[in-house]
C-alpha atoms as a PDB file:
ATOM      1  CA  UNK A   1       6.270  15.404  26.372  1.00  0.00           C
ATOM      2  CA  UNK A   2       7.942  13.722  23.392  1.00  0.00           C
ATOM      3  CA  UNK A   3       6.305  10.445  22.311  1.00  0.00           C
ATOM      4  CA  UNK A   4       7.312   7.957  19.645  1.00  0.00           C
ATOM      5  CA  UNK A   5       5.287   5.280  17.889  1.00  0.00           C
ATOM      6  CA  UNK A   6       6.597   2.816  15.323  1.00  0.00           C
ATOM      7  CA  UNK A   7       4.350   1.819  12.436  1.00  0.00           C
ATOM      8  CA  UNK A   8       5.535  -1.300  10.585  1.00  0.00           C
ATOM      9  CA  UNK A   9       4.022  -1.926   7.139  1.00  0.00           C
ATOM     10  CA  UNK A  10       5.599  -4.486   4.843  1.00  0.00           C
ATOM     11  CA  UNK A  11       8.159  -5.275   7.558  1.00  0.00           C
ATOM     12  CA  UNK A  12       9.513  -1.706   7.225  1.00  0.00           C
ATOM     13  CA  UNK A  13       9.257  -0.039  10.663  1.00  0.00           C
ATOM     14  CA  UNK A  14       8.885   3.755  10.551  1.00  0.00           C
ATOM     15  CA  UNK A  15       9.331   5.755  13.756  1.00  0.00           C
ATOM     16  CA  UNK A  16       7.077   8.802  14.235  1.00  0.00           C
ATOM     17  CA  UNK A  17       8.023  11.211  17.028  1.00  0.00           C
ATOM     18  CA  UNK A  18       5.949  14.170  18.180  1.00  0.00           C
ATOM     19  CA  UNK A  19       5.040  16.244  21.212  1.00  0.00           C
ATOM     20  CA  UNK A  20       1.363  16.384  20.195  1.00  0.00           C
ATOM     21  CA  UNK A  21      -0.633  13.924  22.301  1.00  0.00           C
ATOM     22  CA  UNK A  22      -3.681  14.211  20.040  1.00  0.00           C
ATOM     23  CA  UNK A  23      -1.638  13.102  17.032  1.00  0.00           C
ATOM     24  CA  UNK A  24      -0.218  10.154  18.961  1.00  0.00           C
ATOM     25  CA  UNK A  25      -3.741   9.041  19.856  1.00  0.00           C
ATOM     26  CA  UNK A  26      -4.828   9.453  16.243  1.00  0.00           C
ATOM     27  CA  UNK A  27      -1.911   7.341  14.960  1.00  0.00           C
ATOM     28  CA  UNK A  28      -2.562   4.647  17.536  1.00  0.00           C
ATOM     29  CA  UNK A  29      -6.218   4.422  16.514  1.00  0.00           C
ATOM     30  CA  UNK A  30      -5.489   4.506  12.787  1.00  0.00           C
ATOM     31  CA  UNK A  31      -2.586   2.034  12.718  1.00  0.00           C
ATOM     32  CA  UNK A  32      -3.262  -0.105  15.779  1.00  0.00           C
ATOM     33  CA  UNK A  33      -2.617  -3.511  14.189  1.00  0.00           C
ATOM     34  CA  UNK A  34       0.618  -2.236  12.673  1.00  0.00           C
ATOM     35  CA  UNK A  35       2.238  -0.702  15.758  1.00  0.00           C
ATOM     36  CA  UNK A  36       5.357  -2.479  17.002  1.00  0.00           C
ATOM     37  CA  UNK A  37       7.589  -1.998  20.023  1.00  0.00           C
ATOM     38  CA  UNK A  38      10.612  -4.225  19.465  1.00  0.00           C
ATOM     39  CA  UNK A  39      11.609  -3.527  15.847  1.00  0.00           C
ATOM     40  CA  UNK A  40      14.531  -1.293  15.001  1.00  0.00           C
ATOM     41  CA  UNK A  41      13.108   1.540  12.854  1.00  0.00           C
ATOM     42  CA  UNK A  42      14.278   1.771   9.247  1.00  0.00           C
ATOM     43  CA  UNK A  43      13.235   5.446   9.015  1.00  0.00           C
ATOM     44  CA  UNK A  44      12.651   8.199  11.566  1.00  0.00           C
ATOM     45  CA  UNK A  45      10.366  11.228  11.248  1.00  0.00           C
ATOM     46  CA  UNK A  46       9.898  14.097  13.692  1.00  0.00           C
ATOM     47  CA  UNK A  47       6.364  15.467  13.335  1.00  0.00           C
ATOM     48  CA  UNK A  48       5.193  18.981  14.120  1.00  0.00           C
ATOM     49  CA  UNK A  49       1.453  19.664  14.088  1.00  0.00           C
ATOM     50  CA  UNK A  50       0.580  23.060  12.597  1.00  0.00           C
ATOM     51  CA  UNK A  51      -2.647  25.026  12.407  1.00  0.00           C
ATOM     52  CA  UNK A  52      -4.760  24.732   9.280  1.00  0.00           C
ATOM     53  CA  UNK A  53      -3.759  28.175   7.969  1.00  0.00           C
ATOM     54  CA  UNK A  54       0.009  27.682   8.177  1.00  0.00           C
ATOM     55  CA  UNK A  55       0.284  25.538   5.024  1.00  0.00           C
ATOM     56  CA  UNK A  56      -1.115  26.369   1.598  1.00  0.00           C
ATOM     57  CA  UNK A  57      -4.413  24.491   1.826  1.00  0.00           C
ATOM     58  CA  UNK A  58      -4.941  24.647  -1.953  1.00  0.00           C
ATOM     59  CA  UNK A  59      -1.547  23.181  -2.878  1.00  0.00           C
ATOM     60  CA  UNK A  60      -1.647  20.036  -5.048  1.00  0.00           C
ATOM     61  CA  UNK A  61       0.505  17.029  -4.252  1.00  0.00           C
ATOM     62  CA  UNK A  62       4.112  17.365  -5.388  1.00  0.00           C
ATOM     63  CA  UNK A  63       6.703  14.618  -4.842  1.00  0.00           C
ATOM     64  CA  UNK A  64      10.369  14.902  -5.786  1.00  0.00           C
ATOM     65  CA  UNK A  65      12.959  12.187  -5.263  1.00  0.00           C
ATOM     66  CA  UNK A  66      16.703  12.512  -5.662  1.00  0.00           C
ATOM     67  CA  UNK A  67      19.523  10.207  -4.628  1.00  0.00           C
ATOM     68  CA  UNK A  68      19.789  11.657  -1.147  1.00  0.00           C
ATOM     69  CA  UNK A  69      16.504  13.508  -0.481  1.00  0.00           C
ATOM     70  CA  UNK A  70      12.772  12.952  -0.842  1.00  0.00           C
ATOM     71  CA  UNK A  71      10.358  15.879  -0.648  1.00  0.00           C
ATOM     72  CA  UNK A  72       6.570  15.636  -0.299  1.00  0.00           C
ATOM     73  CA  UNK A  73       4.280  18.657  -0.383  1.00  0.00           C
ATOM     74  CA  UNK A  74       0.498  18.943  -0.227  1.00  0.00           C
ATOM     75  CA  UNK A  75      -1.997  21.391   1.204  1.00  0.00           C
ATOM     76  CA  UNK A  76      -2.082  19.560   4.536  1.00  0.00           C
ATOM     77  CA  UNK A  77       1.554  18.455   4.905  1.00  0.00           C
ATOM     78  CA  UNK A  78       5.194  19.131   4.102  1.00  0.00           C
ATOM     79  CA  UNK A  79       7.814  16.370   4.368  1.00  0.00           C
ATOM     80  CA  UNK A  80      11.580  16.177   3.905  1.00  0.00           C
ATOM     81  CA  UNK A  81      13.617  12.977   4.226  1.00  0.00           C
ATOM     82  CA  UNK A  82      17.389  12.574   4.099  1.00  0.00           C
ATOM     83  CA  UNK A  83      17.610   9.081   2.565  1.00  0.00           C
ATOM     84  CA  UNK A  84      21.233   8.496   3.530  1.00  0.00           C
ATOM     85  CA  UNK A  85      20.553   9.286   7.189  1.00  0.00           C
ATOM     86  CA  UNK A  86      17.051   7.802   6.969  1.00  0.00           C
ATOM     87  CA  UNK A  87      15.776  10.705   9.027  1.00  0.00           C
ATOM     88  CA  UNK A  88      13.286  13.413   8.169  1.00  0.00           C
ATOM     89  CA  UNK A  89      10.650  15.804   9.407  1.00  0.00           C
ATOM     90  CA  UNK A  90       6.944  16.254   8.833  1.00  0.00           C
ATOM     91  CA  UNK A  91       4.790  19.334   9.277  1.00  0.00           C
ATOM     92  CA  UNK A  92       1.103  18.482   9.069  1.00  0.00           C
ATOM     93  CA  UNK A  93      -2.323  19.520  10.179  1.00  0.00           C
ATOM     94  CA  UNK A  94      -4.096  17.388  12.779  1.00  0.00           C
ATOM     95  CA  UNK A  95      -6.252  15.020  10.749  1.00  0.00           C
ATOM     96  CA  UNK A  96      -6.264  11.281  10.015  1.00  0.00           C
ATOM     97  CA  UNK A  97      -5.585  11.673   6.304  1.00  0.00           C
ATOM     98  CA  UNK A  98      -2.216  13.430   6.318  1.00  0.00           C
ATOM     99  CA  UNK A  99      -0.091  10.764   7.990  1.00  0.00           C
ATOM    100  CA  UNK A 100      -1.962   8.044   6.084  1.00  0.00           C
ATOM    101  CA  UNK A 101      -1.107   9.717   2.756  1.00  0.00           C
ATOM    102  CA  UNK A 102       2.470  10.400   3.821  1.00  0.00           C
ATOM    103  CA  UNK A 103       3.097   6.759   4.694  1.00  0.00           C
ATOM    104  CA  UNK A 104       1.566   5.587   1.413  1.00  0.00           C
ATOM    105  CA  UNK A 105       3.848   7.873  -0.585  1.00  0.00           C
ATOM    106  CA  UNK A 106       6.958   7.066   1.462  1.00  0.00           C
ATOM    107  CA  UNK A 107       6.366   3.345   0.997  1.00  0.00           C
ATOM    108  CA  UNK A 108       5.907   3.735  -2.771  1.00  0.00           C
ATOM    109  CA  UNK A 109       9.359   5.329  -2.872  1.00  0.00           C
ATOM    110  CA  UNK A 110      10.883   2.667  -0.619  1.00  0.00           C
ATOM    111  CA  UNK A 111       9.409  -0.141  -2.727  1.00  0.00           C
ATOM    112  CA  UNK A 112      10.483   1.442  -6.004  1.00  0.00           C
ATOM    113  CA  UNK A 113      14.107   0.992  -4.928  1.00  0.00           C
ATOM    114  CA  UNK A 114      13.519  -2.683  -3.997  1.00  0.00           C
ATOM    115  CA  UNK A 115      11.564  -4.055  -6.958  1.00  0.00           C
ATOM    116  CA  UNK A 116       8.165  -3.835  -5.265  1.00  0.00           C
ATOM    117  CA  UNK A 117       5.103  -1.606  -5.392  1.00  0.00           C
ATOM    118  CA  UNK A 118       1.805  -0.567  -3.837  1.00  0.00           C
ATOM    119  CA  UNK A 119      -1.084  -1.793  -5.960  1.00  0.00           C
ATOM    120  CA  UNK A 120      -4.660  -0.529  -6.069  1.00  0.00           C
ATOM    121  CA  UNK A 121      -5.979  -3.994  -5.259  1.00  0.00           C
ATOM    122  CA  UNK A 122      -7.618  -5.996  -2.540  1.00  0.00           C
ATOM    123  CA  UNK A 123      -5.769  -9.075  -1.378  1.00  0.00           C
ATOM    124  CA  UNK A 124      -6.251 -12.053   0.890  1.00  0.00           C
ATOM    125  CA  UNK A 125      -4.508 -15.202   2.123  1.00  0.00           C
ATOM    126  CA  UNK A 126      -5.913 -18.692   1.772  1.00  0.00           C
ATOM    127  CA  UNK A 127      -4.034 -21.907   2.512  1.00  0.00           C
ATOM    128  CA  UNK A 128      -0.816 -19.968   3.046  1.00  0.00           C
ATOM    129  CA  UNK A 129      -0.891 -18.176  -0.326  1.00  0.00           C
ATOM    130  CA  UNK A 130      -1.862 -14.616  -1.207  1.00  0.00           C
ATOM    131  CA  UNK A 131      -4.263 -13.664  -4.008  1.00  0.00           C
ATOM    132  CA  UNK A 132      -4.428 -10.154  -5.490  1.00  0.00           C
ATOM    133  CA  UNK A 133      -7.572  -8.645  -7.009  1.00  0.00           C
ATOM    134  CA  UNK A 134      -7.088  -5.514  -9.074  1.00  0.00           C
ATOM    135  CA  UNK A 135      -9.179  -3.402 -11.406  1.00  0.00           C
ATOM    136  CA  UNK A 136     -10.751   0.052 -11.722  1.00  0.00           C
ATOM    137  CA  UNK A 137     -13.044   1.524  -9.100  1.00  0.00           C
ATOM    138  CA  UNK A 138     -16.307  -0.400  -9.076  1.00  0.00           C
ATOM    139  CA  UNK A 139     -14.765  -3.632 -10.388  1.00  0.00           C
ATOM    140  CA  UNK A 140     -15.543  -5.400  -7.116  1.00  0.00           C
ATOM    141  CA  UNK A 141     -12.311  -5.413  -5.086  1.00  0.00           C
ATOM    142  CA  UNK A 142     -14.041  -4.702  -1.786  1.00  0.00           C
ATOM    143  CA  UNK A 143     -17.030  -6.895  -2.671  1.00  0.00           C
ATOM    144  CA  UNK A 144     -14.804  -9.879  -3.374  1.00  0.00           C
ATOM    145  CA  UNK A 145     -12.986  -9.858  -0.033  1.00  0.00           C
ATOM    146  CA  UNK A 146     -16.305  -9.166   1.703  1.00  0.00           C
ATOM    147  CA  UNK A 147     -17.572 -12.469   0.264  1.00  0.00           C
ATOM    148  CA  UNK A 148     -14.513 -14.391   1.482  1.00  0.00           C
ATOM    149  CA  UNK A 149     -15.200 -17.564   3.521  1.00  0.00           C
ATOM    150  CA  UNK A 150     -14.026 -17.932   7.095  1.00  0.00           C
ATOM    151  CA  UNK A 151     -10.697 -19.559   6.238  1.00  0.00           C
ATOM    152  CA  UNK A 152      -9.562 -16.448   4.315  1.00  0.00           C
ATOM    153  CA  UNK A 153      -7.459 -13.713   5.938  1.00  0.00           C
ATOM    154  CA  UNK A 154      -7.998 -10.286   4.413  1.00  0.00           C
ATOM    155  CA  UNK A 155      -4.820  -8.266   3.857  1.00  0.00           C
ATOM    156  CA  UNK A 156      -6.590  -5.182   2.485  1.00  0.00           C
ATOM    157  CA  UNK A 157      -9.631  -4.140   0.477  1.00  0.00           C
ATOM    158  CA  UNK A 158      -7.858  -1.153  -1.080  1.00  0.00           C
ATOM    159  CA  UNK A 159      -4.043  -0.994  -1.297  1.00  0.00           C
ATOM    160  CA  UNK A 160      -1.894  -4.129  -1.551  1.00  0.00           C
ATOM    161  CA  UNK A 161       1.764  -4.086  -0.501  1.00  0.00           C
ATOM    162  CA  UNK A 162       4.015  -6.200  -2.737  1.00  0.00           C
ATOM    163  CA  UNK A 163       7.720  -6.807  -1.996  1.00  0.00           C
ATOM    164  CA  UNK A 164      10.342  -8.815  -3.837  1.00  0.00           C
ATOM    165  CA  UNK A 165      12.088 -11.089  -1.318  1.00  0.00           C
ATOM    166  CA  UNK A 166      14.279 -14.171  -1.416  1.00  0.00           C
ATOM    167  CA  UNK A 167      10.973 -16.089  -1.318  1.00  0.00           C
ATOM    168  CA  UNK A 168       9.777 -14.354  -4.473  1.00  0.00           C
ATOM    169  CA  UNK A 169       6.924 -11.845  -4.376  1.00  0.00           C
ATOM    170  CA  UNK A 170       5.214 -11.504  -1.017  1.00  0.00           C
ATOM    171  CA  UNK A 171       1.981  -9.664  -0.183  1.00  0.00           C
ATOM    172  CA  UNK A 172       1.714  -7.903   3.176  1.00  0.00           C
ATOM    173  CA  UNK A 173      -1.318  -6.649   5.018  1.00  0.00           C
ATOM    174  CA  UNK A 174      -1.833  -2.882   5.103  1.00  0.00           C
ATOM    175  CA  UNK A 175      -3.784  -0.406   7.214  1.00  0.00           C
ATOM    176  CA  UNK A 176      -4.858   1.437   4.044  1.00  0.00           C
ATOM    177  CA  UNK A 177      -8.587   0.743   4.038  1.00  0.00           C
ATOM    178  CA  UNK A 178     -11.234   1.283   1.386  1.00  0.00           C
ATOM    179  CA  UNK A 179     -15.007   0.957   1.620  1.00  0.00           C
ATOM    180  CA  UNK A 180     -14.808  -1.614   4.407  1.00  0.00           C
ATOM    181  CA  UNK A 181     -13.125   1.062   6.548  1.00  0.00           C
ATOM    182  CA  UNK A 182     -11.222  -1.713   8.299  1.00  0.00           C
ATOM    183  CA  UNK A 183      -7.501  -2.281   8.500  1.00  0.00           C
ATOM    184  CA  UNK A 184      -6.086  -5.468   7.032  1.00  0.00           C
ATOM    185  CA  UNK A 185      -4.268  -8.045   9.131  1.00  0.00           C
ATOM    186  CA  UNK A 186      -0.548  -7.493   9.798  1.00  0.00           C
ATOM    187  CA  UNK A 187       0.535 -10.767   8.201  1.00  0.00           C
ATOM    188  CA  UNK A 188       2.083 -11.808   4.876  1.00  0.00           C
ATOM    189  CA  UNK A 189       2.258 -14.686   2.393  1.00  0.00           C
ATOM    190  CA  UNK A 190       3.859 -15.509  -0.967  1.00  0.00           C
ATOM    191  CA  UNK A 191       1.797 -14.276  -3.919  1.00  0.00           C
ATOM    192  CA  UNK A 192       0.063 -17.129  -5.741  1.00  0.00           C
ATOM    193  CA  UNK A 193      -1.700 -15.189  -8.482  1.00  0.00           C
ATOM    194  CA  UNK A 194      -3.063 -11.874  -9.692  1.00  0.00           C
ATOM    195  CA  UNK A 195      -6.669 -11.437 -10.848  1.00  0.00           C
ATOM    196  CA  UNK A 196      -7.981  -8.612 -13.034  1.00  0.00           C
ATOM    197  CA  UNK A 197     -11.603  -8.213 -11.976  1.00  0.00           C
ATOM    198  CA  UNK A 198     -14.697  -7.793 -14.095  1.00  0.00           C
ATOM    199  CA  UNK A 199     -18.313  -8.218 -13.041  1.00  0.00           C
ATOM    200  CA  UNK A 200     -19.989 -10.747 -15.330  1.00  0.00           C
ATOM    201  CA  UNK A 201     -23.278 -12.716 -15.307  1.00  0.00           C
ATOM    202  CA  UNK A 202     -21.417 -15.869 -14.263  1.00  0.00           C
ATOM    203  CA  UNK A 203     -18.102 -16.728 -12.672  1.00  0.00           C
ATOM    204  CA  UNK A 204     -15.249 -17.368 -15.078  1.00  0.00           C
ATOM    205  CA  UNK A 205     -11.473 -17.408 -15.105  1.00  0.00           C
ATOM    206  CA  UNK A 206      -9.096 -16.932 -18.056  1.00  0.00           C
ATOM    207  CA  UNK A 207      -5.298 -16.807 -18.102  1.00  0.00           C
ATOM    208  CA  UNK A 208      -3.784 -13.468 -19.089  1.00  0.00           C
ATOM    209  CA  UNK A 209      -0.630 -13.131 -21.149  1.00  0.00           C
ATOM    210  CA  UNK A 210       2.354 -11.301 -19.723  1.00  0.00           C
ATOM    211  CA  UNK A 211       1.659  -8.121 -21.715  1.00  0.00           C
ATOM    212  CA  UNK A 212      -1.946  -7.940 -20.451  1.00  0.00           C
ATOM    213  CA  UNK A 213      -0.758  -8.555 -16.903  1.00  0.00           C
ATOM    214  CA  UNK A 214       1.781  -5.718 -17.162  1.00  0.00           C
ATOM    215  CA  UNK A 215      -0.920  -3.368 -18.463  1.00  0.00           C
ATOM    216  CA  UNK A 216      -3.212  -4.321 -15.579  1.00  0.00           C
ATOM    217  CA  UNK A 217      -0.413  -3.651 -13.115  1.00  0.00           C
ATOM    218  CA  UNK A 218       0.709  -0.324 -14.573  1.00  0.00           C
ATOM    219  CA  UNK A 219      -2.860   0.994 -14.597  1.00  0.00           C
ATOM    220  CA  UNK A 220      -3.174   0.278 -10.882  1.00  0.00           C
ATOM    221  CA  UNK A 221       0.268   0.724  -9.302  1.00  0.00           C
ATOM    222  CA  UNK A 222       0.454   3.770  -7.029  1.00  0.00           C
ATOM    223  CA  UNK A 223       3.271   6.139  -7.863  1.00  0.00           C
ATOM    224  CA  UNK A 224       3.555   9.842  -7.212  1.00  0.00           C
ATOM    225  CA  UNK A 225       6.783  11.108  -8.757  1.00  0.00           C
ATOM    226  CA  UNK A 226       7.926  11.589 -12.362  1.00  0.00           C
ATOM    227  CA  UNK A 227      11.528  10.646 -11.589  1.00  0.00           C
ATOM    228  CA  UNK A 228      12.724   8.777 -14.739  1.00  0.00           C
ATOM    229  CA  UNK A 229      15.036   6.367 -12.917  1.00  0.00           C
ATOM    230  CA  UNK A 230      12.390   5.305 -10.382  1.00  0.00           C
ATOM    231  CA  UNK A 231       9.758   5.072 -13.123  1.00  0.00           C
ATOM    232  CA  UNK A 232      12.017   2.722 -15.086  1.00  0.00           C
ATOM    233  CA  UNK A 233      12.532   0.570 -12.002  1.00  0.00           C
ATOM    234  CA  UNK A 234       8.781   0.427 -11.518  1.00  0.00           C
ATOM    235  CA  UNK A 235       8.184  -0.780 -15.067  1.00  0.00           C
ATOM    236  CA  UNK A 236      10.946  -3.363 -14.646  1.00  0.00           C
ATOM    237  CA  UNK A 237       9.280  -4.584 -11.442  1.00  0.00           C
ATOM    238  CA  UNK A 238       5.910  -4.918 -13.185  1.00  0.00           C
ATOM    239  CA  UNK A 239       7.488  -6.880 -16.042  1.00  0.00           C
ATOM    240  CA  UNK A 240       9.346  -9.175 -13.652  1.00  0.00           C
ATOM    241  CA  UNK A 241       6.215  -9.753 -11.562  1.00  0.00           C
ATOM    242  CA  UNK A 242       4.184 -10.612 -14.673  1.00  0.00           C
ATOM    243  CA  UNK A 243       6.870 -13.065 -15.768  1.00  0.00           C
ATOM    244  CA  UNK A 244       6.820 -15.094 -12.551  1.00  0.00           C
ATOM    245  CA  UNK A 245       3.310 -14.693 -11.079  1.00  0.00           C
ATOM    246  CA  UNK A 246       0.345 -16.135 -13.019  1.00  0.00           C
ATOM    247  CA  UNK A 247      -2.358 -13.604 -13.881  1.00  0.00           C
ATOM    248  CA  UNK A 248      -5.990 -14.184 -14.764  1.00  0.00           C
ATOM    249  CA  UNK A 249      -9.093 -12.379 -15.865  1.00  0.00           C
ATOM    250  CA  UNK A 250     -11.684 -13.106 -13.171  1.00  0.00           C
ATOM    251  CA  UNK A 251     -15.259 -12.459 -14.153  1.00  0.00           C
ATOM    252  CA  UNK A 252     -17.632 -12.860 -11.251  1.00  0.00           C
ATOM    253  CA  UNK A 253     -21.121 -12.303 -10.030  1.00  0.00           C
ATOM    254  CA  UNK A 254     -21.292 -11.018  -6.442  1.00  0.00           C
ATOM    255  CA  UNK A 255     -21.931 -14.157  -4.441  1.00  0.00           C
ATOM    256  CA  UNK A 256     -19.647 -16.355  -2.340  1.00  0.00           C
ATOM    257  CA  UNK A 257     -19.404 -19.081  -4.999  1.00  0.00           C
ATOM    258  CA  UNK A 258     -16.728 -17.053  -6.756  1.00  0.00           C
ATOM    259  CA  UNK A 259     -14.240 -18.269  -4.121  1.00  0.00           C
ATOM    260  CA  UNK A 260     -14.635 -21.837  -5.453  1.00  0.00           C
ATOM    261  CA  UNK A 261     -13.353 -20.475  -8.784  1.00  0.00           C
ATOM    262  CA  UNK A 262     -10.411 -18.828  -7.049  1.00  0.00           C
ATOM    263  CA  UNK A 263      -9.557 -21.963  -5.088  1.00  0.00           C
END
């Protein structure tokens, strides 16, 4: 029996159709908060589940993007998308990581054409505004949202979804979880500020210049293709973001008092 589920991340509904009931159950468990029934899908994928030996298990990730076609290849999946028709197909093994990775990559490509990006950052909403916390692994992204008080809504502890809208830059919740192993909330809010995290003996906050903010962004934006045109758009997006969204160095010690500094 053919089944379809629609996963909406960043207000971009993606329809996934398959005859494999086990994959449907896996998707429903993995993306539960982000499943929708009434939205008109922006992209459609037909998914075929293949045995582990069918694909080259040792193949590294390769992403190519042209004007009318995107191609994604890795040891556990193969994807083709006709961007003009907004339809494509996926061949993947039955595991929770393939479709998660595919959606991350597809959304990086979608956002690169719209002035947005996926950022290796935790993020949360407080008082109707979103705060982004970026930095290298171990900087404290998961720790910080884990310390959040009860009036804070966590969007993600791992991958933040940033779109340019008529309201400016908006952060959306994502199902892409890190150490908390918990999906973010499927809500959004205008971005108030970006914080570059460092663990320090005491809590402190310093304004970053635009150049430092761009460097922090470019070190942590997710992008998987070497396409020159899309890469240029990505840099332009980072520069524009840094010009309009205040950025800070946030040094903190891991206790809940850091949220008074953020507020």
